[in-house]
């Protein structure tokens, strides 16, 4: 009979431990990484449509950065190395952003008026067309010593 109180004590201690564990609230789930920036409704859009999706906007921004060989701070107010949530993407304080808008309008005009294109997947002229990974567009062919070898004639 001396074993019964010991077993009850062990069982009740185990149940108490389980009830304490079950009563604990789980830690909150981390917020998605994108929650603090590039979330609609966007502010100060001048070129992109108001209903542009987050994926479309970010994809275009990455394309601009790659086409010019730059990072976000080239056009946007923010400090390199800081979280993007600290950037003021709506600000027009940087002249490069204003120039970029003019260049986008130019490329749109060329694609729509000169080539009659409306499908953005078939664009003929993009930032990369002239910039080729540089902040300054190429305005002349490379020096003669850097010219590629002549193309081989195609066989019929």
C-alpha atoms as a PDB file:
ATOM      1  CA  UNK A   1       0.000   0.000   0.000  1.00  0.00           C
ATOM      2  CA  UNK A   2       2.922   2.326   0.382  1.00  0.00           C
ATOM      3  CA  UNK A   3       3.456   2.235  -3.338  1.00  0.00           C
ATOM      4  CA  UNK A   4       0.050   3.715  -4.180  1.00  0.00           C
ATOM      5  CA  UNK A   5       0.732   7.219  -2.754  1.00  0.00           C
ATOM      6  CA  UNK A   6       4.107   7.283  -4.523  1.00  0.00           C
ATOM      7  CA  UNK A   7       2.500   6.329  -7.852  1.00  0.00           C
ATOM      8  CA  UNK A   8      -0.236   8.924  -7.373  1.00  0.00           C
ATOM      9  CA  UNK A   9       2.387  11.570  -6.613  1.00  0.00           C
ATOM     10  CA  UNK A  10       4.362  10.701  -9.755  1.00  0.00           C
ATOM     11  CA  UNK A  11       1.234  10.588 -11.924  1.00  0.00           C
ATOM     12  CA  UNK A  12      -0.106  13.888 -10.579  1.00  0.00           C
ATOM     13  CA  UNK A  13       3.290  15.545 -11.055  1.00  0.00           C
ATOM     14  CA  UNK A  14       3.383  14.303 -14.644  1.00  0.00           C
ATOM     15  CA  UNK A  15      -0.154  15.525 -15.335  1.00  0.00           C
ATOM     16  CA  UNK A  16       0.667  18.894 -13.760  1.00  0.00           C
ATOM     17  CA  UNK A  17       3.724  19.194 -16.004  1.00  0.00           C
ATOM     18  CA  UNK A  18       1.657  18.339 -19.086  1.00  0.00           C
ATOM     19  CA  UNK A  19      -1.019  20.880 -18.178  1.00  0.00           C
ATOM     20  CA  UNK A  20       1.601  23.617 -17.701  1.00  0.00           C
ATOM     21  CA  UNK A  21       3.186  22.758 -21.056  1.00  0.00           C
ATOM     22  CA  UNK A  22      -0.189  22.749 -22.814  1.00  0.00           C
ATOM     23  CA  UNK A  23      -1.102  26.109 -21.299  1.00  0.00           C
ATOM     24  CA  UNK A  24       1.984  27.789 -22.731  1.00  0.00           C
ATOM     25  CA  UNK A  25       1.276  29.973 -25.744  1.00  0.00           C
ATOM     26  CA  UNK A  26       3.530  29.350 -28.709  1.00  0.00           C
ATOM     27  CA  UNK A  27       5.818  32.184 -29.793  1.00  0.00           C
ATOM     28  CA  UNK A  28       4.314  34.433 -32.459  1.00  0.00           C
ATOM     29  CA  UNK A  29       5.126  33.491 -36.016  1.00  0.00           C
ATOM     30  CA  UNK A  30       7.682  35.762 -37.632  1.00  0.00           C
ATOM     31  CA  UNK A  31       6.249  38.305 -40.013  1.00  0.00           C
ATOM     32  CA  UNK A  32       6.986  37.654 -43.685  1.00  0.00           C
ATOM     33  CA  UNK A  33      10.262  39.224 -44.791  1.00  0.00           C
ATOM     34  CA  UNK A  34       8.475  41.507 -47.272  1.00  0.00           C
ATOM     35  CA  UNK A  35       5.863  42.794 -44.834  1.00  0.00           C
ATOM     36  CA  UNK A  36       7.647  46.048 -44.130  1.00  0.00           C
ATOM     37  CA  UNK A  37       8.350  47.292 -47.656  1.00  0.00           C
ATOM     38  CA  UNK A  38       6.828  47.164 -51.133  1.00  0.00           C
ATOM     39  CA  UNK A  39       3.356  46.537 -49.837  1.00  0.00           C
ATOM     40  CA  UNK A  40       0.346  47.990 -51.682  1.00  0.00           C
ATOM     41  CA  UNK A  41      -1.047  50.567 -51.850  1.00  0.00           C
ATOM     42  CA  UNK A  42       2.129  52.035 -53.284  1.00  0.00           C
ATOM     43  CA  UNK A  43       2.878  55.722 -52.937  1.00  0.00           C
ATOM     44  CA  UNK A  44       4.038  58.083 -55.655  1.00  0.00           C
ATOM     45  CA  UNK A  45       3.863  55.735 -58.639  1.00  0.00           C
ATOM     46  CA  UNK A  46       4.249  57.768 -61.828  1.00  0.00           C
ATOM     47  CA  UNK A  47       5.153  55.145 -64.448  1.00  0.00           C
ATOM     48  CA  UNK A  48       3.778  51.871 -63.089  1.00  0.00           C
ATOM     49  CA  UNK A  49       0.013  51.360 -62.959  1.00  0.00           C
ATOM     50  CA  UNK A  50      -1.639  51.683 -59.549  1.00  0.00           C
ATOM     51  CA  UNK A  51      -2.655  48.003 -59.651  1.00  0.00           C
ATOM     52  CA  UNK A  52       0.874  46.694 -60.263  1.00  0.00           C
ATOM     53  CA  UNK A  53       1.488  43.575 -58.180  1.00  0.00           C
ATOM     54  CA  UNK A  54       4.285  43.349 -55.654  1.00  0.00           C
ATOM     55  CA  UNK A  55       5.984  40.630 -57.722  1.00  0.00           C
ATOM     56  CA  UNK A  56       5.790  42.757 -60.885  1.00  0.00           C
ATOM     57  CA  UNK A  57       7.156  45.818 -59.112  1.00  0.00           C
ATOM     58  CA  UNK A  58      10.061  43.994 -57.481  1.00  0.00           C
ATOM     59  CA  UNK A  59      10.856  42.116 -60.687  1.00  0.00           C
ATOM     60  CA  UNK A  60      11.061  45.405 -62.583  1.00  0.00           C
ATOM     61  CA  UNK A  61      13.210  47.017 -59.881  1.00  0.00           C
ATOM     62  CA  UNK A  62      15.630  44.073 -60.029  1.00  0.00           C
ATOM     63  CA  UNK A  63      15.741  44.356 -63.815  1.00  0.00           C
ATOM     64  CA  UNK A  64      16.561  48.095 -63.569  1.00  0.00           C
ATOM     65  CA  UNK A  65      19.304  47.419 -61.020  1.00  0.00           C
ATOM     66  CA  UNK A  66      20.860  44.687 -63.176  1.00  0.00           C
ATOM     67  CA  UNK A  67      20.570  46.730 -66.373  1.00  0.00           C
ATOM     68  CA  UNK A  68      22.453  49.644 -64.822  1.00  0.00           C
ATOM     69  CA  UNK A  69      24.706  47.667 -62.475  1.00  0.00           C
ATOM     70  CA  UNK A  70      23.395  49.526 -59.419  1.00  0.00           C
ATOM     71  CA  UNK A  71      21.622  48.911 -56.123  1.00  0.00           C
ATOM     72  CA  UNK A  72      18.435  50.399 -54.678  1.00  0.00           C
ATOM     73  CA  UNK A  73      20.206  53.436 -53.205  1.00  0.00           C
ATOM     74  CA  UNK A  74      21.117  54.664 -56.685  1.00  0.00           C
ATOM     75  CA  UNK A  75      17.543  55.917 -57.173  1.00  0.00           C
ATOM     76  CA  UNK A  76      15.924  55.544 -53.749  1.00  0.00           C
ATOM     77  CA  UNK A  77      16.495  57.297 -50.435  1.00  0.00           C
ATOM     78  CA  UNK A  78      18.032  54.821 -48.019  1.00  0.00           C
ATOM     79  CA  UNK A  79      21.308  53.739 -46.525  1.00  0.00           C
ATOM     80  CA  UNK A  80      23.166  50.852 -48.131  1.00  0.00           C
ATOM     81  CA  UNK A  81      23.263  47.834 -45.837  1.00  0.00           C
ATOM     82  CA  UNK A  82      20.205  48.904 -43.846  1.00  0.00           C
ATOM     83  CA  UNK A  83      16.926  46.979 -44.064  1.00  0.00           C
ATOM     84  CA  UNK A  84      14.753  47.929 -47.028  1.00  0.00           C
ATOM     85  CA  UNK A  85      11.981  48.725 -44.553  1.00  0.00           C
ATOM     86  CA  UNK A  86      13.980  51.841 -43.587  1.00  0.00           C
ATOM     87  CA  UNK A  87      14.064  53.196 -47.170  1.00  0.00           C
ATOM     88  CA  UNK A  88      11.794  55.982 -48.374  1.00  0.00           C
ATOM     89  CA  UNK A  89      10.860  54.507 -51.750  1.00  0.00           C
ATOM     90  CA  UNK A  90       8.178  57.162 -52.383  1.00  0.00           C
ATOM     91  CA  UNK A  91      10.641  60.044 -52.104  1.00  0.00           C
ATOM     92  CA  UNK A  92      11.656  61.946 -55.237  1.00  0.00           C
ATOM     93  CA  UNK A  93      14.704  63.470 -53.517  1.00  0.00           C
ATOM     94  CA  UNK A  94      17.204  61.734 -55.808  1.00  0.00           C
ATOM     95  CA  UNK A  95      17.639  63.121 -59.325  1.00  0.00           C
ATOM     96  CA  UNK A  96      18.472  59.624 -60.626  1.00  0.00           C
ATOM     97  CA  UNK A  97      14.895  58.524 -59.899  1.00  0.00           C
ATOM     98  CA  UNK A  98      13.519  61.431 -61.927  1.00  0.00           C
ATOM     99  CA  UNK A  99      15.887  60.633 -64.799  1.00  0.00           C
ATOM    100  CA  UNK A 100      14.838  56.974 -64.620  1.00  0.00           C
ATOM    101  CA  UNK A 101      11.190  57.976 -65.044  1.00  0.00           C
ATOM    102  CA  UNK A 102      12.064  59.974 -68.164  1.00  0.00           C
ATOM    103  CA  UNK A 103      14.053  57.067 -69.572  1.00  0.00           C
ATOM    104  CA  UNK A 104      11.188  54.638 -68.884  1.00  0.00           C
ATOM    105  CA  UNK A 105       8.766  56.978 -70.649  1.00  0.00           C
ATOM    106  CA  UNK A 106      11.187  57.153 -73.597  1.00  0.00           C
ATOM    107  CA  UNK A 107      11.517  53.362 -73.811  1.00  0.00           C
ATOM    108  CA  UNK A 108       7.730  52.989 -73.573  1.00  0.00           C
ATOM    109  CA  UNK A 109       7.235  55.516 -76.381  1.00  0.00           C
ATOM    110  CA  UNK A 110       9.769  53.759 -78.618  1.00  0.00           C
ATOM    111  CA  UNK A 111       8.244  50.324 -77.980  1.00  0.00           C
ATOM    112  CA  UNK A 112       4.629  51.417 -78.401  1.00  0.00           C
ATOM    113  CA  UNK A 113       4.877  54.050 -81.135  1.00  0.00           C
ATOM    114  CA  UNK A 114       7.855  52.923 -83.182  1.00  0.00           C
ATOM    115  CA  UNK A 115       7.377  49.161 -82.818  1.00  0.00           C
ATOM    116  CA  UNK A 116       3.647  49.030 -82.054  1.00  0.00           C
ATOM    117  CA  UNK A 117       4.226  46.792 -79.039  1.00  0.00           C
ATOM    118  CA  UNK A 118       1.785  46.497 -76.165  1.00  0.00           C
ATOM    119  CA  UNK A 119       2.932  43.148 -74.745  1.00  0.00           C
ATOM    120  CA  UNK A 120       5.672  43.802 -72.200  1.00  0.00           C
ATOM    121  CA  UNK A 121       7.153  40.337 -72.795  1.00  0.00           C
ATOM    122  CA  UNK A 122       8.064  41.316 -76.373  1.00  0.00           C
ATOM    123  CA  UNK A 123       9.791  44.662 -75.744  1.00  0.00           C
ATOM    124  CA  UNK A 124      12.481  45.677 -78.219  1.00  0.00           C
ATOM    125  CA  UNK A 125      13.968  48.503 -76.138  1.00  0.00           C
ATOM    126  CA  UNK A 126      14.713  48.194 -72.409  1.00  0.00           C
ATOM    127  CA  UNK A 127      17.141  49.826 -69.998  1.00  0.00           C
ATOM    128  CA  UNK A 128      19.648  47.100 -70.840  1.00  0.00           C
ATOM    129  CA  UNK A 129      19.468  47.895 -74.570  1.00  0.00           C
ATOM    130  CA  UNK A 130      21.643  50.977 -74.034  1.00  0.00           C
ATOM    131  CA  UNK A 131      23.036  50.693 -70.514  1.00  0.00           C
ATOM    132  CA  UNK A 132      24.487  47.175 -70.721  1.00  0.00           C
ATOM    133  CA  UNK A 133      25.181  47.065 -66.983  1.00  0.00           C
ATOM    134  CA  UNK A 134      26.539  50.614 -66.762  1.00  0.00           C
ATOM    135  CA  UNK A 135      25.043  53.776 -65.291  1.00  0.00           C
ATOM    136  CA  UNK A 136      25.896  55.638 -68.483  1.00  0.00           C
ATOM    137  CA  UNK A 137      24.303  54.438 -71.714  1.00  0.00           C
ATOM    138  CA  UNK A 138      26.659  53.356 -74.443  1.00  0.00           C
ATOM    139  CA  UNK A 139      26.579  55.963 -77.197  1.00  0.00           C
ATOM    140  CA  UNK A 140      29.206  54.473 -79.485  1.00  0.00           C
ATOM    141  CA  UNK A 141      30.507  51.031 -80.361  1.00  0.00           C
ATOM    142  CA  UNK A 142      33.444  49.716 -78.349  1.00  0.00           C
ATOM    143  CA  UNK A 143      36.955  50.705 -79.407  1.00  0.00           C
ATOM    144  CA  UNK A 144      38.178  48.875 -82.487  1.00  0.00           C
ATOM    145  CA  UNK A 145      40.588  46.706 -80.520  1.00  0.00           C
ATOM    146  CA  UNK A 146      37.649  45.512 -78.381  1.00  0.00           C
ATOM    147  CA  UNK A 147      35.420  44.721 -81.354  1.00  0.00           C
ATOM    148  CA  UNK A 148      34.258  41.115 -81.642  1.00  0.00           C
ATOM    149  CA  UNK A 149      35.416  38.892 -84.482  1.00  0.00           C
ATOM    150  CA  UNK A 150      33.296  39.042 -87.637  1.00  0.00           C
ATOM    151  CA  UNK A 151      30.300  36.765 -87.641  1.00  0.00           C
ATOM    152  CA  UNK A 152      30.583  33.552 -89.610  1.00  0.00           C
ATOM    153  CA  UNK A 153      28.285  33.457 -92.620  1.00  0.00           C
ATOM    154  CA  UNK A 154      25.194  31.340 -92.156  1.00  0.00           C
ATOM    155  CA  UNK A 155      24.908  28.227 -94.270  1.00  0.00           C
ATOM    156  CA  UNK A 156      21.807  27.889 -96.376  1.00  0.00           C
END
